[in-house]
Amino acid sequence: MSSEEQTVYPELERFSTHLALERRFSPNTVRNYRQAVCSFALWLSLNGNWNGEFSGVRLEQARAYVIEQGRRVSRRTVHNHVSGLRSFYRYLRREGIADTCPFTGISLPKLEKALPKFMSQEQMLRLLEAPGNLYKAGELGQFGALRDSLVLEFLYGGGLRVSELCALTYGDLDLPQCTARVLGKGGKERICPLGSIALRCLEAFAKCFDLSMGRTDPVICEVGGQPMRPRKIQLSLKKYLAAAGLPGDMTPHKIRHSYATHLLNNGADLRSVQELLGHASLSTTQIYTHVGVSRLKSAHKQAHPRA
């Protein structure tokens, strides 16, 4: 436990429960918001006479905290912390604990939207073939090869977040319709089409190891049947990236970026991609239009008289 979280704040515990149960935020988001509040509480305790009551915090204190954070961490981290603290104070106001939010009047420097990194279709093919190639070379067992091929096919073929994939059970699959029901961020449910190759991988994996495929059984599992953890998938991915001669900084989420980019490059419309990704706002999806350069160049070459 970090030093910030050694002190228990009842308001923070109730806020965390509110985020998890009522707002249905992901565990990562709840943890990040908690960290933001704990970091601010530690700063308050070290910088002046603070009585432990969040309701008494003034705008000047909040501004000083943000300025100091700006010297120590990235702009994006500052934005995330302030976002978490504003959410915390909105909760305190609704509960009648605080009258105002000291972070409301603070303007933050504009963030530049970073273009998502993604792999080309040729690179993705090399990655998808990596588990099978390692198995043929005798460097990977059959269970790991089939299971990890399934992992990669679901990440790329369905555009799932790694946390969504680890939570997927056989009860979430509609095999006749070739779809999966996925519970995404904020408890938002969406239907993800699954490709024929992903379904063939699933069938081969289940048959080879005589998996029960009960409704509550995890689709992606360890040898003993327990769900595979996101961290294990991340570590396995690094092994396959190295085997395929691909950049080591690629992550499961960048496979999701590749999924979206390849859809757009091959003619999918933005609204459909938004629904497939489970984005609440179209503006979140629009960032992928900036990376579809090959599609734009192809359209220009085909349609412009001077191309």
Protein backbone atom coordinates (compact mmCIF):
# COMPACT_ATOMS: atom_id res chain seq x y z
CA MET A 1 0.00 0.00 0.00
CA SER A 2 1.33 3.45 -0.89
CA SER A 3 1.93 6.05 1.81
CA GLU A 4 -0.94 8.11 0.41
CA GLU A 5 -3.43 5.30 1.07
CA GLN A 6 -2.38 4.45 4.62
CA THR A 7 -4.89 6.95 5.99
CA VAL A 8 -8.54 5.92 5.69
CA TYR A 9 -11.01 8.63 4.65
CA PRO A 10 -14.67 7.57 5.05
CA GLU A 11 -15.77 9.91 2.23
CA LEU A 12 -13.27 8.30 -0.11
CA GLU A 13 -14.45 4.79 0.76
CA ARG A 14 -18.06 5.74 0.05
CA PHE A 15 -17.01 7.51 -3.16
CA SER A 16 -15.14 4.39 -4.31
CA THR A 17 -18.21 2.24 -3.64
CA HIS A 18 -20.36 4.75 -5.54
CA LEU A 19 -18.04 4.58 -8.56
CA ALA A 20 -17.88 0.79 -8.57
CA LEU A 21 -21.51 -0.09 -7.85
CA GLU A 22 -23.59 2.86 -9.05
CA ARG A 23 -21.46 4.31 -11.83
CA ARG A 24 -20.09 0.84 -12.69
CA PHE A 25 -16.62 2.19 -13.40
CA SER A 26 -13.86 -0.27 -14.12
CA PRO A 27 -11.51 -1.29 -11.27
CA ASN A 28 -8.70 0.62 -13.01
CA THR A 29 -10.73 3.85 -13.09
CA VAL A 30 -11.77 3.48 -9.46
CA ARG A 31 -8.15 2.88 -8.48
CA ASN A 32 -6.97 5.92 -10.45
CA TYR A 33 -9.60 8.19 -8.89
CA ARG A 34 -8.71 6.91 -5.43
CA GLN A 35 -5.05 7.57 -6.12
CA ALA A 36 -5.85 11.13 -7.21
CA VAL A 37 -7.74 11.86 -3.98
CA CYS A 38 -5.10 10.19 -1.79
CA SER A 39 -2.30 12.10 -3.52
CA PHE A 40 -4.12 15.39 -2.90
CA ALA A 41 -4.82 14.45 0.73
CA LEU A 42 -1.14 13.68 1.31
CA TRP A 43 -0.14 17.01 -0.24
CA LEU A 44 -2.64 18.85 1.99
CA SER A 45 -1.30 17.15 5.11
CA LEU A 46 2.28 18.11 4.22
CA ASN A 47 1.56 21.68 3.15
CA GLY A 48 -0.17 23.55 5.90
CA ASN A 49 -2.67 23.09 8.67
CA TRP A 50 -5.25 20.70 7.23
CA ASN A 51 -7.81 19.25 9.60
CA GLY A 52 -8.60 16.26 7.38
CA GLU A 53 -11.89 17.72 6.12
CA PHE A 54 -12.14 17.91 2.32
CA SER A 55 -15.01 20.40 2.60
CA GLY A 56 -12.68 23.11 3.88
CA VAL A 57 -10.22 23.08 0.96
CA ARG A 58 -9.88 26.45 -0.79
CA LEU A 59 -9.30 27.32 -4.43
CA GLU A 60 -5.81 28.63 -3.60
CA GLN A 61 -4.81 25.26 -2.17
CA ALA A 62 -6.16 23.38 -5.16
CA ARG A 63 -4.34 25.71 -7.55
CA ALA A 64 -1.06 25.35 -5.65
CA TYR A 65 -1.41 21.57 -5.77
CA VAL A 66 -2.00 21.56 -9.53
CA ILE A 67 0.99 23.86 -10.12
CA GLU A 68 3.27 21.61 -8.07
CA GLN A 69 1.97 18.49 -9.82
CA GLY A 70 2.67 20.15 -13.16
CA ARG A 71 6.36 20.33 -12.25
CA ARG A 72 6.52 16.63 -11.33
CA VAL A 73 4.31 14.69 -13.72
CA SER A 74 3.03 14.86 -17.29
CA ARG A 75 0.18 17.08 -18.42
CA ARG A 76 -1.99 14.04 -19.00
CA THR A 77 -1.44 12.82 -15.43
CA VAL A 78 -2.37 16.26 -14.09
CA HIS A 79 -5.54 16.21 -16.21
CA ASN A 80 -6.42 12.75 -14.94
CA HIS A 81 -5.85 13.75 -11.31
CA VAL A 82 -7.97 16.89 -11.62
CA SER A 83 -10.70 14.91 -13.38
CA GLY A 84 -10.74 12.43 -10.50
CA LEU A 85 -10.81 15.20 -7.90
CA ARG A 86 -13.62 17.06 -9.65
CA SER A 87 -15.64 13.85 -9.71
CA PHE A 88 -14.90 13.36 -6.01
CA TYR A 89 -16.10 16.85 -5.14
CA ARG A 90 -19.24 16.47 -7.26
CA TYR A 91 -20.01 13.43 -5.15
CA LEU A 92 -19.32 15.36 -1.92
CA ARG A 93 -21.68 18.14 -3.04
CA ARG A 94 -24.47 15.68 -3.84
CA GLU A 95 -23.99 14.13 -0.41
CA GLY A 96 -24.13 17.54 1.27
CA ILE A 97 -20.57 17.24 2.57
CA ALA A 98 -19.04 20.08 0.53
CA ASP A 99 -20.60 23.29 -0.78
CA THR A 100 -18.19 23.89 -3.65
CA CYS A 101 -15.52 22.18 -5.71
CA PRO A 102 -12.16 23.99 -5.36
CA PHE A 103 -11.00 22.56 -8.72
CA THR A 104 -13.86 24.03 -10.76
CA GLY A 105 -12.16 27.38 -11.36
CA ILE A 106 -8.81 25.93 -12.41
CA SER A 107 -7.98 26.01 -16.12
CA LEU A 108 -5.65 23.34 -17.41
CA PRO A 109 -3.31 23.46 -20.41
CA LYS A 110 -4.86 21.90 -23.50
CA LEU A 111 -3.80 18.36 -24.22
CA GLU A 112 -2.65 17.42 -27.66
CA LYS A 113 -4.39 14.26 -28.80
CA ALA A 114 -1.73 11.64 -29.40
CA LEU A 115 -2.30 9.60 -32.51
CA PRO A 116 -2.84 5.96 -31.57
CA LYS A 117 -0.04 3.58 -32.48
CA PHE A 118 -1.07 0.56 -34.49
CA MET A 119 0.34 -2.29 -36.52
CA SER A 120 0.01 -2.73 -40.25
CA GLN A 121 -2.03 -5.64 -41.57
CA GLU A 122 1.20 -7.43 -42.51
CA GLN A 123 2.57 -6.95 -38.99
CA MET A 124 -0.67 -8.21 -37.46
CA LEU A 125 -0.50 -11.34 -39.60
CA ARG A 126 3.03 -12.04 -38.35
CA LEU A 127 1.89 -11.60 -34.76
CA LEU A 128 -1.14 -13.86 -35.22
CA GLU A 129 1.11 -16.59 -36.60
CA ALA A 130 3.66 -16.34 -33.77
CA PRO A 131 2.11 -18.84 -31.28
CA GLY A 132 1.81 -21.50 -33.98
CA ASN A 133 5.35 -20.89 -35.17
CA LEU A 134 6.73 -21.24 -31.64
CA TYR A 135 4.77 -24.46 -31.19
CA LYS A 136 6.20 -25.88 -34.42
CA ALA A 137 9.68 -24.93 -33.24
CA GLY A 138 9.14 -26.80 -29.98
CA GLU A 139 9.32 -23.63 -27.89
CA LEU A 140 5.68 -23.62 -26.79
CA GLY A 141 3.25 -26.31 -25.63
CA GLN A 142 0.02 -27.11 -27.44
CA PHE A 143 -2.21 -25.60 -24.75
CA GLY A 144 -0.33 -22.29 -24.77
CA ALA A 145 -0.22 -22.16 -28.57
CA LEU A 146 -3.95 -22.77 -29.06
CA ARG A 147 -5.02 -20.60 -26.12
CA ASP A 148 -2.79 -17.67 -27.08
CA SER A 149 -3.80 -17.89 -30.75
CA LEU A 150 -7.37 -17.56 -29.48
CA VAL A 151 -6.38 -14.56 -27.34
CA LEU A 152 -4.84 -12.75 -30.31
CA GLU A 153 -7.73 -13.57 -32.63
CA PHE A 154 -10.29 -12.24 -30.14
CA LEU A 155 -8.28 -9.07 -29.45
CA TYR A 156 -7.79 -8.32 -33.14
CA GLY A 157 -10.89 -9.97 -34.61
CA GLY A 158 -13.28 -8.52 -32.03
CA GLY A 159 -11.53 -5.32 -30.93
CA LEU A 160 -11.89 -6.28 -27.27
CA ARG A 161 -10.07 -4.60 -24.43
CA VAL A 162 -7.88 -7.06 -22.56
CA SER A 163 -10.00 -6.69 -19.40
CA GLU A 164 -13.14 -7.45 -21.43
CA LEU A 165 -11.54 -10.55 -22.90
CA CYS A 166 -10.45 -11.88 -19.50
CA ALA A 167 -14.01 -11.43 -18.18
CA LEU A 168 -15.63 -13.18 -21.17
CA THR A 169 -17.49 -16.43 -20.40
CA TYR A 170 -19.09 -19.00 -22.70
CA GLY A 171 -22.47 -17.63 -21.62
CA ASP A 172 -21.52 -14.36 -23.33
CA LEU A 173 -21.05 -16.09 -26.70
CA ASP A 174 -23.73 -16.58 -29.32
CA LEU A 175 -21.95 -19.07 -31.56
CA PRO A 176 -24.77 -19.44 -34.15
CA GLN A 177 -24.73 -15.65 -34.60
CA CYS A 178 -20.91 -15.45 -34.33
CA THR A 179 -21.08 -12.70 -31.71
CA ALA A 180 -19.99 -12.00 -28.15
CA ARG A 181 -21.82 -9.90 -25.57
CA VAL A 182 -19.19 -7.68 -23.97
CA LEU A 183 -19.48 -5.58 -20.82
CA GLY A 184 -17.32 -2.53 -21.42
CA LYS A 185 -16.42 0.66 -19.59
CA GLY A 186 -19.07 2.05 -17.29
CA GLY A 187 -21.00 -1.22 -17.47
CA LYS A 188 -21.99 -0.46 -21.07
CA GLU A 189 -22.93 -3.60 -22.98
CA ARG A 190 -22.20 -4.10 -26.67
CA ILE A 191 -22.33 -6.90 -29.21
CA CYS A 192 -19.03 -7.74 -30.93
CA PRO A 193 -19.04 -9.77 -34.15
CA LEU A 194 -16.42 -12.52 -34.15
CA GLY A 195 -14.58 -13.60 -37.27
CA SER A 196 -14.62 -17.13 -38.65
CA ILE A 197 -10.93 -17.62 -37.83
CA ALA A 198 -11.48 -16.64 -34.18
CA LEU A 199 -14.34 -19.12 -33.93
CA ARG A 200 -12.24 -21.89 -35.49
CA CYS A 201 -9.52 -21.17 -32.92
CA LEU A 202 -12.13 -21.39 -30.16
CA GLU A 203 -13.42 -24.72 -31.46
CA ALA A 204 -9.91 -26.18 -31.76
CA PHE A 205 -8.95 -25.01 -28.25
CA ALA A 206 -12.13 -26.36 -26.62
CA LYS A 207 -12.04 -29.71 -28.43
CA CYS A 208 -8.34 -30.37 -27.96
CA PHE A 209 -8.56 -30.00 -24.18
CA ASP A 210 -12.15 -31.22 -23.71
CA LEU A 211 -13.22 -27.97 -22.05
CA SER A 212 -16.67 -28.04 -20.45
CA MET A 213 -17.73 -24.70 -21.99
CA GLY A 214 -20.24 -24.07 -19.18
CA ARG A 215 -22.02 -20.72 -19.22
CA THR A 216 -19.89 -19.34 -16.38
CA ASP A 217 -16.60 -20.85 -17.57
CA PRO A 218 -14.03 -18.34 -18.83
CA VAL A 219 -13.34 -18.42 -22.56
CA ILE A 220 -9.66 -17.61 -21.96
CA CYS A 221 -8.38 -19.85 -19.21
CA GLU A 222 -5.30 -21.33 -17.62
CA VAL A 223 -4.57 -25.07 -17.57
CA GLY A 224 -6.59 -25.46 -14.36
CA GLY A 225 -9.61 -23.66 -15.82
CA GLN A 226 -9.21 -20.38 -13.93
CA PRO A 227 -9.51 -17.11 -15.89
CA MET A 228 -6.34 -15.80 -17.50
CA ARG A 229 -5.23 -12.49 -15.99
CA PRO A 230 -4.62 -9.35 -18.07
CA ARG A 231 -1.01 -9.15 -16.88
CA LYS A 232 -0.34 -12.68 -18.16
CA ILE A 233 -1.68 -11.69 -21.59
CA GLN A 234 0.53 -8.59 -21.63
CA LEU A 235 3.63 -10.63 -20.80
CA SER A 236 2.78 -13.31 -23.36
CA LEU A 237 2.31 -10.64 -26.02
CA LYS A 238 5.88 -9.41 -25.51
CA LYS A 239 7.13 -12.93 -26.23
CA TYR A 240 5.17 -13.12 -29.48
CA LEU A 241 6.22 -9.65 -30.57
CA ALA A 242 9.86 -10.64 -30.15
CA ALA A 243 9.30 -13.91 -32.02
CA ALA A 244 7.65 -12.02 -34.90
CA GLY A 245 10.35 -9.34 -35.00
CA LEU A 246 7.88 -6.58 -34.12
CA PRO A 247 8.30 -3.48 -31.90
CA GLY A 248 8.27 -4.44 -28.23
CA ASP A 249 6.19 -1.42 -27.19
CA MET A 250 3.02 -2.81 -28.75
CA THR A 251 0.34 -3.63 -26.16
CA PRO A 252 -3.03 -5.41 -26.21
CA HIS A 253 -4.70 -2.00 -26.48
CA LYS A 254 -2.63 -1.19 -29.56
CA ILE A 255 -4.06 -4.33 -31.14
CA ARG A 256 -7.45 -2.68 -30.55
CA HIS A 257 -6.10 0.45 -32.28
CA SER A 258 -5.04 -1.75 -35.19
CA TYR A 259 -8.52 -3.29 -35.33
CA ALA A 260 -10.17 0.13 -35.62
CA THR A 261 -7.64 1.51 -38.10
CA HIS A 262 -7.87 -1.51 -40.40
CA LEU A 263 -11.67 -1.35 -40.36
CA LEU A 264 -11.60 2.29 -41.48
CA ASN A 265 -8.87 1.68 -44.04
CA ASN A 266 -10.99 -1.05 -45.58
CA GLY A 267 -14.13 1.03 -45.90
CA ALA A 268 -16.03 0.77 -42.60
CA ASP A 269 -17.96 3.90 -41.64
CA LEU A 270 -17.08 5.84 -38.51
CA ARG A 271 -20.42 5.27 -36.75
CA SER A 272 -20.14 1.51 -37.12
CA VAL A 273 -16.59 1.54 -35.76
CA GLN A 274 -17.79 3.64 -32.82
CA GLU A 275 -20.38 0.99 -31.96
CA LEU A 276 -17.94 -1.87 -32.45
CA LEU A 277 -15.45 -0.23 -30.07
CA GLY A 278 -18.11 0.71 -27.53
CA HIS A 279 -17.19 4.41 -27.53
CA ALA A 280 -19.79 6.64 -25.89
CA SER A 281 -18.76 9.62 -28.02
CA LEU A 282 -18.01 9.77 -31.74
CA SER A 283 -15.19 12.22 -31.00
CA THR A 284 -13.29 9.40 -29.27
CA THR A 285 -13.47 7.32 -32.43
CA GLN A 286 -12.62 10.21 -34.76
CA ILE A 287 -8.96 10.10 -33.77
CA TYR A 288 -8.64 6.99 -35.93
CA THR A 289 -9.53 9.01 -39.03
CA HIS A 290 -6.16 10.76 -38.69
CA VAL A 291 -4.23 7.53 -39.04
CA GLY A 292 -6.06 6.13 -42.06
CA VAL A 293 -3.49 7.62 -44.42
CA SER A 294 -3.32 4.63 -46.75
CA ARG A 295 -7.06 4.82 -47.42
CA LEU A 296 -6.84 8.53 -48.18
CA LYS A 297 -3.87 8.07 -50.49
CA SER A 298 -5.64 5.26 -52.30
CA ALA A 299 -8.79 7.34 -52.78
CA HIS A 300 -6.71 10.27 -54.02
CA LYS A 301 -4.81 8.07 -56.48
CA GLN A 302 -8.01 6.57 -57.88
CA ALA A 303 -10.07 9.74 -58.11
CA HIS A 304 -7.79 12.73 -58.70
CA PRO A 305 -6.84 13.54 -62.31
CA ARG A 306 -3.39 14.75 -61.29
CA ALA A 307 -2.54 11.88 -58.95
